[in-house]
PDB file of N, CA and C in Angstrom:
ATOM      1  N   MET A   1     -23.071 -30.615  -0.268  1.00  0.00           N
ATOM      2  CA  MET A   1     -23.410 -30.573   1.142  1.00  0.00           C
ATOM      3  C   MET A   1     -23.257 -31.965   1.734  1.00  0.00           C
ATOM      4  N   SER A   2     -22.870 -32.016   2.971  1.00  0.00           N
ATOM      5  CA  SER A   2     -22.822 -33.300   3.656  1.00  0.00           C
ATOM      6  C   SER A   2     -23.517 -33.148   5.004  1.00  0.00           C
ATOM      7  N   ASP A   3     -24.137 -34.231   5.428  1.00  0.00           N
ATOM      8  CA  ASP A   3     -24.736 -34.252   6.754  1.00  0.00           C
ATOM      9  C   ASP A   3     -23.676 -34.722   7.732  1.00  0.00           C
ATOM     10  N   GLN A   4     -23.733 -34.177   8.940  1.00  0.00           N
ATOM     11  CA  GLN A   4     -22.744 -34.529   9.951  1.00  0.00           C
ATOM     12  C   GLN A   4     -23.444 -34.972  11.228  1.00  0.00           C
ATOM     13  N   VAL A   5     -22.803 -35.899  11.941  1.00  0.00           N
ATOM     14  CA  VAL A   5     -23.327 -36.423  13.203  1.00  0.00           C
ATOM     15  C   VAL A   5     -22.303 -36.144  14.295  1.00  0.00           C
ATOM     16  N   ARG A   6     -22.769 -35.558  15.387  1.00  0.00           N
ATOM     17  CA  ARG A   6     -21.926 -35.323  16.561  1.00  0.00           C
ATOM     18  C   ARG A   6     -22.683 -35.814  17.793  1.00  0.00           C
ATOM     19  N   PHE A   7     -21.942 -36.251  18.786  1.00  0.00           N
ATOM     20  CA  PHE A   7     -22.541 -36.717  20.030  1.00  0.00           C
ATOM     21  C   PHE A   7     -22.164 -35.788  21.170  1.00  0.00           C
ATOM     22  N   ASN A   8     -23.169 -35.255  21.848  1.00  0.00           N
ATOM     23  CA  ASN A   8     -23.039 -34.495  23.090  1.00  0.00           C
ATOM     24  C   ASN A   8     -22.310 -33.170  22.981  1.00  0.00           C
ATOM     25  N   ASP A   9     -21.706 -32.833  21.860  1.00  0.00           N
ATOM     26  CA  ASP A   9     -21.013 -31.553  21.698  1.00  0.00           C
ATOM     27  C   ASP A   9     -21.277 -31.022  20.296  1.00  0.00           C
ATOM     28  N   PRO A  10     -22.234 -30.087  20.146  1.00  0.00           N
ATOM     29  CA  PRO A  10     -22.565 -29.597  18.808  1.00  0.00           C
ATOM     30  C   PRO A  10     -21.433 -28.809  18.162  1.00  0.00           C
ATOM     31  N   ASN A  11     -20.466 -28.379  18.946  1.00  0.00           N
ATOM     32  CA  ASN A  11     -19.361 -27.572  18.433  1.00  0.00           C
ATOM     33  C   ASN A  11     -18.055 -28.347  18.313  1.00  0.00           C
ATOM     34  N   ALA A  12     -18.111 -29.672  18.410  1.00  0.00           N
ATOM     35  CA  ALA A  12     -16.899 -30.471  18.273  1.00  0.00           C
ATOM     36  C   ALA A  12     -16.250 -30.161  16.930  1.00  0.00           C
ATOM     37  N   GLU A  13     -14.938 -29.993  16.932  1.00  0.00           N
ATOM     38  CA  GLU A  13     -14.231 -29.593  15.709  1.00  0.00           C
ATOM     39  C   GLU A  13     -14.455 -30.579  14.571  1.00  0.00           C
ATOM     40  N   ARG A  14     -14.360 -31.869  14.866  1.00  0.00           N
ATOM     41  CA  ARG A  14     -14.578 -32.889  13.852  1.00  0.00           C
ATOM     42  C   ARG A  14     -15.852 -33.660  14.169  1.00  0.00           C
ATOM     43  N   PRO A  15     -16.711 -33.870  13.192  1.00  0.00           N
ATOM     44  CA  PRO A  15     -17.901 -34.680  13.443  1.00  0.00           C
ATOM     45  C   PRO A  15     -17.516 -36.140  13.627  1.00  0.00           C
ATOM     46  N   HIS A  16     -18.356 -36.866  14.337  1.00  0.00           N
ATOM     47  CA  HIS A  16     -18.134 -38.295  14.536  1.00  0.00           C
ATOM     48  C   HIS A  16     -18.337 -39.045  13.217  1.00  0.00           C
ATOM     49  N   PHE A  17     -19.247 -38.539  12.387  1.00  0.00           N
ATOM     50  CA  PHE A  17     -19.569 -39.177  11.110  1.00  0.00           C
ATOM     51  C   PHE A  17     -20.009 -38.102  10.130  1.00  0.00           C
ATOM     52  N   SER A  18     -19.614 -38.239   8.866  1.00  0.00           N
ATOM     53  CA  SER A  18     -20.060 -37.347   7.789  1.00  0.00           C
ATOM     54  C   SER A  18     -20.472 -38.192   6.591  1.00  0.00           C
ATOM     55  N   THR A  19     -21.534 -37.765   5.929  1.00  0.00           N
ATOM     56  CA  THR A  19     -21.940 -38.429   4.697  1.00  0.00           C
ATOM     57  C   THR A  19     -21.101 -37.888   3.548  1.00  0.00           C
ATOM     58  N   LYS A  20     -21.224 -38.517   2.411  1.00  0.00           N
ATOM     59  CA  LYS A  20     -20.640 -37.956   1.192  1.00  0.00           C
ATOM     60  C   LYS A  20     -21.443 -36.715   0.815  1.00  0.00           C
ATOM     61  N   LEU A  21     -21.061 -36.062  -0.248  1.00  0.00           N
ATOM     62  CA  LEU A  21     -21.812 -34.893  -0.698  1.00  0.00           C
ATOM     63  C   LEU A  21     -23.179 -35.343  -1.207  1.00  0.00           C
ATOM     64  N   ILE A  22     -24.229 -34.833  -0.567  1.00  0.00           N
ATOM     65  CA  ILE A  22     -25.609 -35.177  -0.928  1.00  0.00           C
ATOM     66  C   ILE A  22     -26.468 -33.933  -0.817  1.00  0.00           C
ATOM     67  N   GLY A  23     -27.722 -34.018  -1.243  1.00  0.00           N
ATOM     68  CA  GLY A  23     -28.669 -32.957  -0.958  1.00  0.00           C
ATOM     69  C   GLY A  23     -29.077 -32.085  -2.116  1.00  0.00           C
ATOM     70  N   ASN A  24     -28.854 -32.490  -3.339  1.00  0.00           N
ATOM     71  CA  ASN A  24     -29.282 -31.672  -4.469  1.00  0.00           C
ATOM     72  C   ASN A  24     -30.613 -32.110  -5.047  1.00  0.00           C
ATOM     73  N   ASP A  25     -31.423 -32.846  -4.283  1.00  0.00           N
ATOM     74  CA  ASP A  25     -32.682 -33.368  -4.815  1.00  0.00           C
ATOM     75  C   ASP A  25     -33.902 -32.535  -4.439  1.00  0.00           C
ATOM     76  N   ASN A  26     -33.733 -31.470  -3.659  1.00  0.00           N
ATOM     77  CA  ASN A  26     -34.815 -30.560  -3.290  1.00  0.00           C
ATOM     78  C   ASN A  26     -35.940 -31.268  -2.536  1.00  0.00           C
ATOM     79  N   ALA A  27     -35.606 -32.322  -1.780  1.00  0.00           N
ATOM     80  CA  ALA A  27     -36.623 -33.123  -1.098  1.00  0.00           C
ATOM     81  C   ALA A  27     -37.359 -32.351  -0.006  1.00  0.00           C
ATOM     82  N   ILE A  28     -36.687 -31.470   0.709  1.00  0.00           N
ATOM     83  CA  ILE A  28     -37.360 -30.738   1.791  1.00  0.00           C
ATOM     84  C   ILE A  28     -38.445 -29.831   1.228  1.00  0.00           C
ATOM     85  N   ALA A  29     -38.164 -29.149   0.133  1.00  0.00           N
ATOM     86  CA  ALA A  29     -39.169 -28.267  -0.481  1.00  0.00           C
ATOM     87  C   ALA A  29     -40.359 -29.061  -0.990  1.00  0.00           C
ATOM     88  N   ARG A  30     -40.152 -30.298  -1.350  1.00  0.00           N
ATOM     89  CA  ARG A  30     -41.227 -31.138  -1.902  1.00  0.00           C
ATOM     90  C   ARG A  30     -41.752 -32.123  -0.863  1.00  0.00           C
ATOM     91  N   HIS A  31     -41.483 -31.876   0.394  1.00  0.00           N
ATOM     92  CA  HIS A  31     -41.969 -32.706   1.498  1.00  0.00           C
ATOM     93  C   HIS A  31     -41.508 -34.148   1.405  1.00  0.00           C
ATOM     94  N   GLY A  32     -40.330 -34.369   0.860  1.00  0.00           N
ATOM     95  CA  GLY A  32     -39.730 -35.689   0.867  1.00  0.00           C
ATOM     96  C   GLY A  32     -40.137 -36.634  -0.240  1.00  0.00           C
ATOM     97  N   ILE A  33     -41.085 -36.252  -1.080  1.00  0.00           N
ATOM     98  CA  ILE A  33     -41.569 -37.203  -2.079  1.00  0.00           C
ATOM     99  C   ILE A  33     -40.588 -37.436  -3.223  1.00  0.00           C
ATOM    100  N   HIS A  34     -39.620 -36.556  -3.401  1.00  0.00           N
ATOM    101  CA  HIS A  34     -38.656 -36.722  -4.490  1.00  0.00           C
ATOM    102  C   HIS A  34     -37.242 -36.962  -3.986  1.00  0.00           C
ATOM    103  N   GLY A  35     -37.084 -37.235  -2.715  1.00  0.00           N
ATOM    104  CA  GLY A  35     -35.754 -37.442  -2.152  1.00  0.00           C
ATOM    105  C   GLY A  35     -35.182 -38.801  -2.497  1.00  0.00           C
ATOM    106  N   LEU A  36     -33.881 -38.904  -2.430  1.00  0.00           N
ATOM    107  CA  LEU A  36     -33.206 -40.170  -2.635  1.00  0.00           C
ATOM    108  C   LEU A  36     -33.005 -40.830  -1.277  1.00  0.00           C
ATOM    109  N   TYR A  37     -33.328 -42.113  -1.178  1.00  0.00           N
ATOM    110  CA  TYR A  37     -33.203 -42.842   0.082  1.00  0.00           C
ATOM    111  C   TYR A  37     -31.760 -43.267   0.303  1.00  0.00           C
ATOM    112  N   SER A  38     -31.275 -43.039   1.491  1.00  0.00           N
ATOM    113  CA  SER A  38     -29.936 -43.497   1.889  1.00  0.00           C
ATOM    114  C   SER A  38     -30.026 -44.082   3.283  1.00  0.00           C
ATOM    115  N   LEU A  39     -29.242 -45.100   3.544  1.00  0.00           N
ATOM    116  CA  LEU A  39     -29.180 -45.718   4.867  1.00  0.00           C
ATOM    117  C   LEU A  39     -27.744 -45.636   5.352  1.00  0.00           C
ATOM    118  N   TYR A  40     -27.560 -45.116   6.539  1.00  0.00           N
ATOM    119  CA  TYR A  40     -26.227 -45.009   7.130  1.00  0.00           C
ATOM    120  C   TYR A  40     -26.212 -45.714   8.474  1.00  0.00           C
ATOM    121  N   SER A  41     -25.191 -46.504   8.703  1.00  0.00           N
ATOM    122  CA  SER A  41     -24.967 -47.115  10.011  1.00  0.00           C
ATOM    123  C   SER A  41     -23.740 -46.449  10.603  1.00  0.00           C
ATOM    124  N   VAL A  42     -23.897 -45.897  11.783  1.00  0.00           N
ATOM    125  CA  VAL A  42     -22.819 -45.172  12.439  1.00  0.00           C
ATOM    126  C   VAL A  42     -22.444 -45.918  13.710  1.00  0.00           C
ATOM    127  N   GLY A  43     -21.248 -46.459  13.761  1.00  0.00           N
ATOM    128  CA  GLY A  43     -20.772 -47.115  14.971  1.00  0.00           C
ATOM    129  C   GLY A  43     -20.353 -46.073  15.998  1.00  0.00           C
ATOM    130  N   VAL A  44     -20.727 -46.304  17.235  1.00  0.00           N
ATOM    131  CA  VAL A  44     -20.429 -45.345  18.301  1.00  0.00           C
ATOM    132  C   VAL A  44     -19.635 -46.048  19.386  1.00  0.00           C
ATOM    133  N   ASP A  45     -18.430 -45.589  19.628  1.00  0.00           N
ATOM    134  CA  ASP A  45     -17.637 -46.128  20.734  1.00  0.00           C
ATOM    135  C   ASP A  45     -18.198 -45.636  22.061  1.00  0.00           C
ATOM    136  N   SER A  46     -18.063 -46.432  23.095  1.00  0.00           N
ATOM    137  CA  SER A  46     -18.632 -46.072  24.397  1.00  0.00           C
ATOM    138  C   SER A  46     -18.053 -44.779  24.953  1.00  0.00           C
ATOM    139  N   ASP A  47     -16.835 -44.410  24.562  1.00  0.00           N
ATOM    140  CA  ASP A  47     -16.270 -43.169  25.084  1.00  0.00           C
ATOM    141  C   ASP A  47     -16.910 -41.926  24.460  1.00  0.00           C
ATOM    142  N   GLN A  48     -17.759 -42.109  23.443  1.00  0.00           N
ATOM    143  CA  GLN A  48     -18.501 -40.990  22.863  1.00  0.00           C
ATOM    144  C   GLN A  48     -19.773 -40.678  23.652  1.00  0.00           C
ATOM    145  N   LEU A  49     -20.164 -41.579  24.537  1.00  0.00           N
ATOM    146  CA  LEU A  49     -21.405 -41.431  25.294  1.00  0.00           C
ATOM    147  C   LEU A  49     -21.116 -41.192  26.763  1.00  0.00           C
ATOM    148  N   VAL A  50     -22.080 -40.611  27.434  1.00  0.00           N
ATOM    149  CA  VAL A  50     -21.950 -40.338  28.865  1.00  0.00           C
ATOM    150  C   VAL A  50     -23.067 -41.076  29.592  1.00  0.00           C
ATOM    151  N   LYS A  51     -22.888 -41.292  30.879  1.00  0.00           N
ATOM    152  CA  LYS A  51     -23.931 -41.921  31.682  1.00  0.00           C
ATOM    153  C   LYS A  51     -25.080 -40.926  31.808  1.00  0.00           C
ATOM    154  N   GLY A  52     -26.286 -41.403  31.580  1.00  0.00           N
ATOM    155  CA  GLY A  52     -27.450 -40.525  31.637  1.00  0.00           C
ATOM    156  C   GLY A  52     -27.880 -40.104  30.243  1.00  0.00           C
ATOM    157  N   GLU A  53     -28.238 -38.855  30.100  1.00  0.00           N
ATOM    158  CA  GLU A  53     -28.769 -38.342  28.834  1.00  0.00           C
ATOM    159  C   GLU A  53     -27.651 -38.046  27.833  1.00  0.00           C
ATOM    160  N   ASN A  54     -27.841 -38.495  26.602  1.00  0.00           N
ATOM    161  CA  ASN A  54     -26.931 -38.202  25.504  1.00  0.00           C
ATOM    162  C   ASN A  54     -27.720 -37.488  24.413  1.00  0.00           C
ATOM    163  N   ILE A  55     -27.051 -36.616  23.680  1.00  0.00           N
ATOM    164  CA  ILE A  55     -27.699 -35.849  22.616  1.00  0.00           C
ATOM    165  C   ILE A  55     -26.982 -36.135  21.304  1.00  0.00           C
ATOM    166  N   ILE A  56     -27.761 -36.392  20.257  1.00  0.00           N
ATOM    167  CA  ILE A  56     -27.227 -36.589  18.920  1.00  0.00           C
ATOM    168  C   ILE A  56     -27.526 -35.323  18.123  1.00  0.00           C
ATOM    169  N   TYR A  57     -26.501 -34.716  17.550  1.00  0.00           N
ATOM    170  CA  TYR A  57     -26.657 -33.515  16.735  1.00  0.00           C
ATOM    171  C   TYR A  57     -26.500 -33.878  15.268  1.00  0.00           C
ATOM    172  N   LEU A  58     -27.538 -33.599  14.468  1.00  0.00           N
ATOM    173  CA  LEU A  58     -27.518 -33.815  13.026  1.00  0.00           C
ATOM    174  C   LEU A  58     -27.476 -32.442  12.369  1.00  0.00           C
ATOM    175  N   THR A  59     -26.443 -32.170  11.603  1.00  0.00           N
ATOM    176  CA  THR A  59     -26.298 -30.854  11.000  1.00  0.00           C
ATOM    177  C   THR A  59     -25.885 -30.961   9.534  1.00  0.00           C
ATOM    178  N   GLN A  60     -26.098 -29.882   8.813  1.00  0.00           N
ATOM    179  CA  GLN A  60     -25.618 -29.734   7.449  1.00  0.00           C
ATOM    180  C   GLN A  60     -24.291 -29.002   7.507  1.00  0.00           C
ATOM    181  N   SER A  61     -23.325 -29.420   6.708  1.00  0.00           N
ATOM    182  CA  SER A  61     -22.045 -28.724   6.689  1.00  0.00           C
ATOM    183  C   SER A  61     -22.165 -27.369   6.007  1.00  0.00           C
ATOM    184  N   PHE A  62     -23.189 -27.206   5.178  1.00  0.00           N
ATOM    185  CA  PHE A  62     -23.382 -25.958   4.449  1.00  0.00           C
ATOM    186  C   PHE A  62     -24.868 -25.795   4.193  1.00  0.00           C
ATOM    187  N   ALA A  63     -25.463 -24.743   4.702  1.00  0.00           N
ATOM    188  CA  ALA A  63     -26.883 -24.492   4.459  1.00  0.00           C
ATOM    189  C   ALA A  63     -27.112 -22.991   4.431  1.00  0.00           C
ATOM    190  N   GLU A  64     -27.765 -22.526   3.375  1.00  0.00           N
ATOM    191  CA  GLU A  64     -27.999 -21.089   3.222  1.00  0.00           C
ATOM    192  C   GLU A  64     -29.471 -20.705   3.245  1.00  0.00           C
ATOM    193  N   GLY A  65     -30.361 -21.635   3.380  1.00  0.00           N
ATOM    194  CA  GLY A  65     -31.767 -21.273   3.354  1.00  0.00           C
ATOM    195  C   GLY A  65     -32.629 -22.320   4.013  1.00  0.00           C
ATOM    196  N   PRO A  66     -33.940 -22.067   4.065  1.00  0.00           N
ATOM    197  CA  PRO A  66     -34.858 -22.970   4.762  1.00  0.00           C
ATOM    198  C   PRO A  66     -35.030 -24.326   4.090  1.00  0.00           C
ATOM    199  N   PHE A  67     -34.639 -24.454   2.840  1.00  0.00           N
ATOM    200  CA  PHE A  67     -34.799 -25.719   2.147  1.00  0.00           C
ATOM    201  C   PHE A  67     -33.513 -26.532   2.115  1.00  0.00           C
ATOM    202  N   MET A  68     -32.569 -26.185   2.939  1.00  0.00           N
ATOM    203  CA  MET A  68     -31.328 -26.945   3.080  1.00  0.00           C
ATOM    204  C   MET A  68     -31.248 -27.406   4.524  1.00  0.00           C
ATOM    205  N   GLY A  69     -31.419 -28.687   4.762  1.00  0.00           N
ATOM    206  CA  GLY A  69     -31.414 -29.197   6.120  1.00  0.00           C
ATOM    207  C   GLY A  69     -31.252 -30.695   6.137  1.00  0.00           C
ATOM    208  N   VAL A  70     -31.487 -31.276   7.289  1.00  0.00           N
ATOM    209  CA  VAL A  70     -31.388 -32.716   7.470  1.00  0.00           C
ATOM    210  C   VAL A  70     -32.796 -33.266   7.615  1.00  0.00           C
ATOM    211  N   MET A  71     -33.112 -34.292   6.851  1.00  0.00           N
ATOM    212  CA  MET A  71     -34.425 -34.924   6.937  1.00  0.00           C
ATOM    213  C   MET A  71     -34.208 -36.423   7.140  1.00  0.00           C
ATOM    214  N   TYR A  72     -34.971 -37.005   8.046  1.00  0.00           N
ATOM    215  CA  TYR A  72     -34.800 -38.430   8.340  1.00  0.00           C
ATOM    216  C   TYR A  72     -36.134 -39.044   8.724  1.00  0.00           C
ATOM    217  N   ASP A  73     -36.232 -40.355   8.548  1.00  0.00           N
ATOM    218  CA  ASP A  73     -37.435 -41.078   8.955  1.00  0.00           C
ATOM    219  C   ASP A  73     -37.351 -41.476  10.424  1.00  0.00           C
ATOM    220  N   TYR A  74     -36.245 -42.100  10.809  1.00  0.00           N
ATOM    221  CA  TYR A  74     -36.082 -42.495  12.201  1.00  0.00           C
ATOM    222  C   TYR A  74     -34.618 -42.731  12.500  1.00  0.00           C
ATOM    223  N   ILE A  75     -34.325 -42.733  13.777  1.00  0.00           N
ATOM    224  CA  ILE A  75     -32.981 -43.054  14.267  1.00  0.00           C
ATOM    225  C   ILE A  75     -33.145 -44.225  15.211  1.00  0.00           C
ATOM    226  N   ARG A  76     -32.401 -45.276  14.980  1.00  0.00           N
ATOM    227  CA  ARG A  76     -32.488 -46.475  15.813  1.00  0.00           C
ATOM    228  C   ARG A  76     -31.168 -46.636  16.552  1.00  0.00           C
ATOM    229  N   LEU A  77     -31.244 -46.731  17.842  1.00  0.00           N
ATOM    230  CA  LEU A  77     -30.058 -46.960  18.664  1.00  0.00           C
ATOM    231  C   LEU A  77     -30.084 -48.395  19.159  1.00  0.00           C
ATOM    232  N   GLU A  78     -29.017 -49.124  18.894  1.00  0.00           N
ATOM    233  CA  GLU A  78     -28.934 -50.517  19.299  1.00  0.00           C
ATOM    234  C   GLU A  78     -27.622 -50.748  20.001  1.00  0.00           C
ATOM    235  N   SER A  79     -27.622 -51.775  20.811  1.00  0.00           N
ATOM    236  CA  SER A  79     -26.412 -52.167  21.523  1.00  0.00           C
ATOM    237  C   SER A  79     -26.369 -53.685  21.586  1.00  0.00           C
ATOM    238  N   PRO A  80     -25.197 -54.261  21.395  1.00  0.00           N
ATOM    239  CA  PRO A  80     -25.142 -55.718  21.571  1.00  0.00           C
ATOM    240  C   PRO A  80     -25.381 -56.061  23.032  1.00  0.00           C
ATOM    241  N   PRO A  81     -25.970 -57.224  23.310  1.00  0.00           N
ATOM    242  CA  PRO A  81     -26.190 -57.598  24.711  1.00  0.00           C
ATOM    243  C   PRO A  81     -24.851 -57.797  25.428  1.00  0.00           C
ATOM    244  N   THR A  82     -24.840 -57.444  26.683  1.00  0.00           N
ATOM    245  CA  THR A  82     -23.650 -57.657  27.503  1.00  0.00           C
ATOM    246  C   THR A  82     -23.807 -58.955  28.294  1.00  0.00           C
ATOM    247  N   ALA A  83     -22.752 -59.377  28.942  1.00  0.00           N
ATOM    248  CA  ALA A  83     -22.791 -60.628  29.711  1.00  0.00           C
ATOM    249  C   ALA A  83     -23.771 -60.547  30.882  1.00  0.00           C
ATOM    250  N   THR A  84     -24.077 -59.333  31.347  1.00  0.00           N
ATOM    251  CA  THR A  84     -24.982 -59.184  32.498  1.00  0.00           C
ATOM    252  C   THR A  84     -26.442 -59.091  32.079  1.00  0.00           C
ATOM    253  N   GLU A  85     -26.738 -58.931  30.766  1.00  0.00           N
ATOM    254  CA  GLU A  85     -28.103 -58.838  30.308  1.00  0.00           C
ATOM    255  C   GLU A  85     -28.639 -60.229  29.995  1.00  0.00           C
ATOM    256  N   PRO A  86     -29.879 -60.516  30.406  1.00  0.00           N
ATOM    257  CA  PRO A  86     -30.447 -61.826  30.058  1.00  0.00           C
ATOM    258  C   PRO A  86     -30.783 -61.869  28.575  1.00  0.00           C
ATOM    259  N   CYS A  87     -30.582 -63.006  27.953  1.00  0.00           N
ATOM    260  CA  CYS A  87     -30.924 -63.192  26.540  1.00  0.00           C
ATOM    261  C   CYS A  87     -32.390 -63.570  26.446  1.00  0.00           C
ATOM    262  N   ALA A  88     -33.081 -62.983  25.463  1.00  0.00           N
ATOM    263  CA  ALA A  88     -34.512 -63.268  25.294  1.00  0.00           C
ATOM    264  C   ALA A  88     -34.726 -64.413  24.346  1.00  0.00           C
TER     265      ALA A  88
END
């Protein structure tokens, strides 16, 4: 199984980002205590986003039951400062 990331279109033919095959640790059934930690950084081009509200879709490429899904601690969105933003 792989997790997939899409922006603003849950039915986009190709995901913006896909993980390698993961998910055989049964972490969801065990409330996360036996899961393997992974960190992914996903670069997002500005043409993937729209002005106003944007939606991030996290999906499994293959899931047949309630214990197959996407589990995460947090999602952090960052942007480099632009020339018009004051530096702190």
